[in-house]
Amino acid sequence: MFRLVAVSFLYKCEGKEIMEQEIKGKGSEERWSGAIANLTEMASNLDSLQKLLLKKAVFVDEDTFAKASLTSEQARTIKVLEQRVETLEREVDAAITAAARARSEKRQAEAAQKAAELRAQEVTKELENTTKVFELHTEELRAKQEEISKRDTEIKLLEAIIQTLGGKDSSSTNVG
């Protein structure tokens, strides 16, 4: 037993009957005329398609048809799976690119962090050195202050001695 593997369109349009109907109103008449023209063209196209399909029709037995149907279904499934594989490959490529970018950004961040740590160490050393210099200057200033204070005391003592001696001189000069 053979099966016809072709689609046959048997469609006949009776557009002539529609044309013969009387329709009231000019707008409706124009719409109906357009519809009739479309239907007539469709009928002609369907007739041409039917003739073409009948010329190209292939007759096969049930087993061959079943195998062809299975092969066709498998081909569609393979195509869908290939598209899915392509999509997944693009996603993997995007993930690899994103991971590489993340690694690069991480390396840059680590380098920036290391540079910041080195700069912090430099600043800390500078502060320590400045503190030491400040402490030395402070000690120098204290020593100078002590020296000035000591000399000031000596000057006051000498002034007191001079006044005391001067007071005796002026009293001896006054007496004599």
C-alpha atoms as a PDB file:
ATOM      1  CA  MET A   1       0.000   0.000   0.000  1.00  0.00           C
ATOM      2  CA  PHE A   2       1.382   3.416  -0.965  1.00  0.00           C
ATOM      3  CA  ARG A   3       0.868   6.801   0.619  1.00  0.00           C
ATOM      4  CA  LEU A   4       0.883  10.037  -1.299  1.00  0.00           C
ATOM      5  CA  VAL A   5       3.375  12.423   0.308  1.00  0.00           C
ATOM      6  CA  ALA A   6       2.021  15.704  -0.916  1.00  0.00           C
ATOM      7  CA  VAL A   7      -0.392  18.301   0.162  1.00  0.00           C
ATOM      8  CA  SER A   8      -3.286  18.784  -2.138  1.00  0.00           C
ATOM      9  CA  PHE A   9      -5.411  21.823  -1.949  1.00  0.00           C
ATOM     10  CA  LEU A  10      -8.786  21.379  -3.431  1.00  0.00           C
ATOM     11  CA  TYR A  11     -10.329  24.720  -3.236  1.00  0.00           C
ATOM     12  CA  LYS A  12     -12.723  26.201  -5.698  1.00  0.00           C
ATOM     13  CA  CYS A  13     -14.089  29.634  -5.321  1.00  0.00           C
ATOM     14  CA  GLU A  14     -17.523  30.466  -6.482  1.00  0.00           C
ATOM     15  CA  GLY A  15     -16.797  34.163  -6.729  1.00  0.00           C
ATOM     16  CA  LYS A  16     -19.291  34.576  -9.556  1.00  0.00           C
ATOM     17  CA  GLU A  17     -22.194  33.887  -7.233  1.00  0.00           C
ATOM     18  CA  ILE A  18     -21.016  36.589  -4.818  1.00  0.00           C
ATOM     19  CA  MET A  19     -20.724  39.106  -7.640  1.00  0.00           C
ATOM     20  CA  GLU A  20     -24.269  38.497  -8.690  1.00  0.00           C
ATOM     21  CA  GLN A  21     -25.642  39.454  -5.282  1.00  0.00           C
ATOM     22  CA  GLU A  22     -26.943  42.966  -4.974  1.00  0.00           C
ATOM     23  CA  ILE A  23     -25.436  45.001  -2.177  1.00  0.00           C
ATOM     24  CA  LYS A  24     -26.718  48.381  -1.143  1.00  0.00           C
ATOM     25  CA  GLY A  25     -24.320  51.272  -0.659  1.00  0.00           C
ATOM     26  CA  LYS A  26     -21.329  52.322  -2.712  1.00  0.00           C
ATOM     27  CA  GLY A  27     -18.699  51.696   0.052  1.00  0.00           C
ATOM     28  CA  SER A  28     -19.941  48.165   0.609  1.00  0.00           C
ATOM     29  CA  GLU A  29     -19.859  47.502  -3.144  1.00  0.00           C
ATOM     30  CA  GLU A  30     -16.200  48.527  -3.343  1.00  0.00           C
ATOM     31  CA  ARG A  31     -15.262  46.338  -0.382  1.00  0.00           C
ATOM     32  CA  TRP A  32     -17.111  43.364  -1.842  1.00  0.00           C
ATOM     33  CA  SER A  33     -15.467  43.899  -5.220  1.00  0.00           C
ATOM     34  CA  GLY A  34     -12.018  43.908  -3.575  1.00  0.00           C
ATOM     35  CA  ALA A  35     -12.857  40.774  -1.595  1.00  0.00           C
ATOM     36  CA  ILE A  36     -14.099  38.999  -4.739  1.00  0.00           C
ATOM     37  CA  ALA A  37     -10.921  39.932  -6.609  1.00  0.00           C
ATOM     38  CA  ASN A  38      -8.807  38.578  -3.733  1.00  0.00           C
ATOM     39  CA  LEU A  39     -10.766  35.317  -3.632  1.00  0.00           C
ATOM     40  CA  THR A  40     -10.471  34.857  -7.393  1.00  0.00           C
ATOM     41  CA  GLU A  41      -6.689  35.380  -7.226  1.00  0.00           C
ATOM     42  CA  MET A  42      -6.422  32.923  -4.315  1.00  0.00           C
ATOM     43  CA  ALA A  43      -8.367  30.306  -6.282  1.00  0.00           C
ATOM     44  CA  SER A  44      -5.995  30.714  -9.224  1.00  0.00           C
ATOM     45  CA  ASN A  45      -2.940  30.438  -6.966  1.00  0.00           C
ATOM     46  CA  LEU A  46      -4.307  27.307  -5.283  1.00  0.00           C
ATOM     47  CA  ASP A  47      -4.998  25.667  -8.652  1.00  0.00           C
ATOM     48  CA  SER A  48      -1.403  26.364  -9.715  1.00  0.00           C
ATOM     49  CA  LEU A  49      -0.085  24.957  -6.429  1.00  0.00           C
ATOM     50  CA  GLN A  50      -2.215  21.822  -6.784  1.00  0.00           C
ATOM     51  CA  LYS A  51      -0.899  21.172 -10.307  1.00  0.00           C
ATOM     52  CA  LEU A  52       2.695  21.697  -9.154  1.00  0.00           C
ATOM     53  CA  LEU A  53       2.295  19.330  -6.191  1.00  0.00           C
ATOM     54  CA  LEU A  54       0.743  16.621  -8.349  1.00  0.00           C
ATOM     55  CA  LYS A  55       3.716  16.771 -10.732  1.00  0.00           C
ATOM     56  CA  LYS A  56       6.253  16.575  -7.852  1.00  0.00           C
ATOM     57  CA  ALA A  57       4.437  13.953  -5.748  1.00  0.00           C
ATOM     58  CA  VAL A  58       6.419  10.900  -4.553  1.00  0.00           C
ATOM     59  CA  PHE A  59       4.835   7.599  -3.695  1.00  0.00           C
ATOM     60  CA  VAL A  60       6.451   5.500  -0.936  1.00  0.00           C
ATOM     61  CA  ASP A  61       5.489   2.497   1.158  1.00  0.00           C
ATOM     62  CA  GLU A  62       4.540   2.751   4.856  1.00  0.00           C
ATOM     63  CA  ASP A  63       7.957   1.616   6.154  1.00  0.00           C
ATOM     64  CA  THR A  64       9.870   4.136   4.041  1.00  0.00           C
ATOM     65  CA  PHE A  65       7.458   6.890   5.053  1.00  0.00           C
ATOM     66  CA  ALA A  66       7.907   6.023   8.755  1.00  0.00           C
ATOM     67  CA  LYS A  67      11.708   6.047   8.381  1.00  0.00           C
ATOM     68  CA  ALA A  68      11.588   9.352   6.503  1.00  0.00           C
ATOM     69  CA  SER A  69       9.344  10.842   9.190  1.00  0.00           C
ATOM     70  CA  LEU A  70      11.689   9.615  11.927  1.00  0.00           C
ATOM     71  CA  THR A  71      14.719  10.973  10.062  1.00  0.00           C
ATOM     72  CA  SER A  72      12.978  14.301   9.562  1.00  0.00           C
ATOM     73  CA  GLU A  73      12.072  14.510  13.258  1.00  0.00           C
ATOM     74  CA  GLN A  74      15.626  13.586  14.233  1.00  0.00           C
ATOM     75  CA  ALA A  75      16.991  16.250  11.880  1.00  0.00           C
ATOM     76  CA  ARG A  76      14.754  18.867  13.524  1.00  0.00           C
ATOM     77  CA  THR A  77      15.865  17.688  16.981  1.00  0.00           C
ATOM     78  CA  ILE A  78      19.526  17.798  15.918  1.00  0.00           C
ATOM     79  CA  LYS A  79      19.086  21.320  14.572  1.00  0.00           C
ATOM     80  CA  VAL A  80      17.483  22.460  17.840  1.00  0.00           C
ATOM     81  CA  LEU A  81      20.284  20.804  19.838  1.00  0.00           C
ATOM     82  CA  GLU A  82      22.953  22.391  17.612  1.00  0.00           C
ATOM     83  CA  GLN A  83      21.382  25.795  18.214  1.00  0.00           C
ATOM     84  CA  ARG A  84      21.366  25.096  21.944  1.00  0.00           C
ATOM     85  CA  VAL A  85      25.041  24.043  21.800  1.00  0.00           C
ATOM     86  CA  GLU A  86      25.900  27.271  19.944  1.00  0.00           C
ATOM     87  CA  THR A  87      24.024  29.284  22.562  1.00  0.00           C
ATOM     88  CA  LEU A  88      25.828  27.469  25.376  1.00  0.00           C
ATOM     89  CA  GLU A  89      29.183  27.977  23.630  1.00  0.00           C
ATOM     90  CA  ARG A  90      28.498  31.715  23.425  1.00  0.00           C
ATOM     91  CA  GLU A  91      27.545  31.730  27.114  1.00  0.00           C
ATOM     92  CA  VAL A  92      30.739  29.822  28.014  1.00  0.00           C
ATOM     93  CA  ASP A  93      32.821  32.250  25.938  1.00  0.00           C
ATOM     94  CA  ALA A  94      31.139  35.169  27.687  1.00  0.00           C
ATOM     95  CA  ALA A  95      31.766  33.547  31.092  1.00  0.00           C
ATOM     96  CA  ILE A  96      35.433  32.928  30.218  1.00  0.00           C
ATOM     97  CA  THR A  97      35.807  36.533  29.098  1.00  0.00           C
ATOM     98  CA  ALA A  98      34.111  37.774  32.267  1.00  0.00           C
ATOM     99  CA  ALA A  99      36.350  35.552  34.419  1.00  0.00           C
ATOM    100  CA  ALA A 100      39.466  36.818  32.627  1.00  0.00           C
ATOM    101  CA  ARG A 101      38.297  40.402  33.119  1.00  0.00           C
ATOM    102  CA  ALA A 102      37.608  39.685  36.805  1.00  0.00           C
ATOM    103  CA  ARG A 103      41.077  38.144  37.236  1.00  0.00           C
ATOM    104  CA  SER A 104      42.641  41.151  35.546  1.00  0.00           C
ATOM    105  CA  GLU A 105      40.663  43.546  37.748  1.00  0.00           C
ATOM    106  CA  LYS A 106      41.658  41.503  40.809  1.00  0.00           C
ATOM    107  CA  ARG A 107      45.351  41.716  39.848  1.00  0.00           C
ATOM    108  CA  GLN A 108      45.000  45.460  39.318  1.00  0.00           C
ATOM    109  CA  ALA A 109      43.259  45.831  42.675  1.00  0.00           C
ATOM    110  CA  GLU A 110      45.965  43.763  44.386  1.00  0.00           C
ATOM    111  CA  ALA A 111      48.685  45.857  42.735  1.00  0.00           C
ATOM    112  CA  ALA A 112      46.902  49.050  43.781  1.00  0.00           C
ATOM    113  CA  GLN A 113      46.521  47.712  47.333  1.00  0.00           C
ATOM    114  CA  LYS A 114      50.216  46.789  47.471  1.00  0.00           C
ATOM    115  CA  ALA A 115      51.169  50.243  46.175  1.00  0.00           C
ATOM    116  CA  ALA A 116      48.892  51.832  48.788  1.00  0.00           C
ATOM    117  CA  GLU A 117      50.452  49.703  51.530  1.00  0.00           C
ATOM    118  CA  LEU A 118      53.962  50.693  50.392  1.00  0.00           C
ATOM    119  CA  ARG A 119      52.928  54.351  50.331  1.00  0.00           C
ATOM    120  CA  ALA A 120      51.419  53.978  53.811  1.00  0.00           C
ATOM    121  CA  GLN A 121      54.709  52.477  55.025  1.00  0.00           C
ATOM    122  CA  GLU A 122      56.643  55.360  53.446  1.00  0.00           C
ATOM    123  CA  VAL A 123      54.347  57.926  55.053  1.00  0.00           C
ATOM    124  CA  THR A 124      54.650  56.139  58.403  1.00  0.00           C
ATOM    125  CA  LYS A 125      58.466  56.194  58.143  1.00  0.00           C
ATOM    126  CA  GLU A 126      58.356  59.876  57.220  1.00  0.00           C
ATOM    127  CA  LEU A 127      56.149  60.565  60.242  1.00  0.00           C
ATOM    128  CA  GLU A 128      58.470  58.565  62.502  1.00  0.00           C
ATOM    129  CA  ASN A 129      61.503  60.443  61.176  1.00  0.00           C
ATOM    130  CA  THR A 130      59.707  63.771  61.562  1.00  0.00           C
ATOM    131  CA  THR A 131      58.743  62.786  65.112  1.00  0.00           C
ATOM    132  CA  LYS A 132      62.365  61.924  65.945  1.00  0.00           C
ATOM    133  CA  VAL A 133      63.573  65.226  64.483  1.00  0.00           C
ATOM    134  CA  PHE A 134      60.847  67.055  66.415  1.00  0.00           C
ATOM    135  CA  GLU A 135      61.873  65.283  69.636  1.00  0.00           C
ATOM    136  CA  LEU A 136      65.526  66.234  69.051  1.00  0.00           C
ATOM    137  CA  HIS A 137      64.555  69.853  68.438  1.00  0.00           C
ATOM    138  CA  THR A 138      62.346  69.801  71.524  1.00  0.00           C
ATOM    139  CA  GLU A 139      65.228  68.466  73.630  1.00  0.00           C
ATOM    140  CA  GLU A 140      67.515  71.125  72.170  1.00  0.00           C
ATOM    141  CA  LEU A 141      64.958  73.804  72.972  1.00  0.00           C
ATOM    142  CA  ARG A 142      64.604  72.524  76.555  1.00  0.00           C
ATOM    143  CA  ALA A 143      68.375  72.503  76.967  1.00  0.00           C
ATOM    144  CA  LYS A 144      68.551  76.050  75.594  1.00  0.00           C
ATOM    145  CA  GLN A 145      65.636  77.065  77.828  1.00  0.00           C
ATOM    146  CA  GLU A 146      67.400  75.569  80.849  1.00  0.00           C
ATOM    147  CA  GLU A 147      70.614  77.330  79.868  1.00  0.00           C
ATOM    148  CA  ILE A 148      68.748  80.613  79.430  1.00  0.00           C
ATOM    149  CA  SER A 149      66.958  80.097  82.735  1.00  0.00           C
ATOM    150  CA  LYS A 150      70.251  79.298  84.457  1.00  0.00           C
ATOM    151  CA  ARG A 151      71.933  82.383  82.979  1.00  0.00           C
ATOM    152  CA  ASP A 152      68.902  84.482  83.861  1.00  0.00           C
ATOM    153  CA  THR A 153      69.253  83.306  87.452  1.00  0.00           C
ATOM    154  CA  GLU A 154      72.973  84.092  87.357  1.00  0.00           C
ATOM    155  CA  ILE A 155      72.239  87.547  85.926  1.00  0.00           C
ATOM    156  CA  LYS A 156      69.695  88.230  88.669  1.00  0.00           C
ATOM    157  CA  LEU A 157      72.180  87.071  91.270  1.00  0.00           C
ATOM    158  CA  LEU A 158      74.881  89.287  89.801  1.00  0.00           C
ATOM    159  CA  GLU A 159      72.450  92.225  89.706  1.00  0.00           C
ATOM    160  CA  ALA A 160      71.603  91.613  93.350  1.00  0.00           C
ATOM    161  CA  ILE A 161      75.294  91.482  94.210  1.00  0.00           C
ATOM    162  CA  ILE A 162      75.912  94.671  92.231  1.00  0.00           C
ATOM    163  CA  GLN A 163      73.058  96.427  93.977  1.00  0.00           C
ATOM    164  CA  THR A 164      74.256  95.251  97.303  1.00  0.00           C
ATOM    165  CA  LEU A 165      77.790  96.382  96.574  1.00  0.00           C
ATOM    166  CA  GLY A 166      76.539  99.482  94.917  1.00  0.00           C
ATOM    167  CA  GLY A 167      74.435 100.280  97.945  1.00  0.00           C
ATOM    168  CA  LYS A 168      77.492 100.049 100.193  1.00  0.00           C
ATOM    169  CA  ASP A 169      79.480 102.227  97.826  1.00  0.00           C
ATOM    170  CA  SER A 170      76.823 104.836  97.759  1.00  0.00           C
ATOM    171  CA  SER A 171      76.454 104.731 101.509  1.00  0.00           C
ATOM    172  CA  SER A 172      80.244 104.937 101.939  1.00  0.00           C
ATOM    173  CA  THR A 173      80.422 107.776  99.469  1.00  0.00           C
ATOM    174  CA  ASN A 174      77.658 109.556 101.269  1.00  0.00           C
ATOM    175  CA  VAL A 175      79.302 109.065 104.595  1.00  0.00           C
ATOM    176  CA  GLY A 176      82.732 110.225 103.614  1.00  0.00           C
END
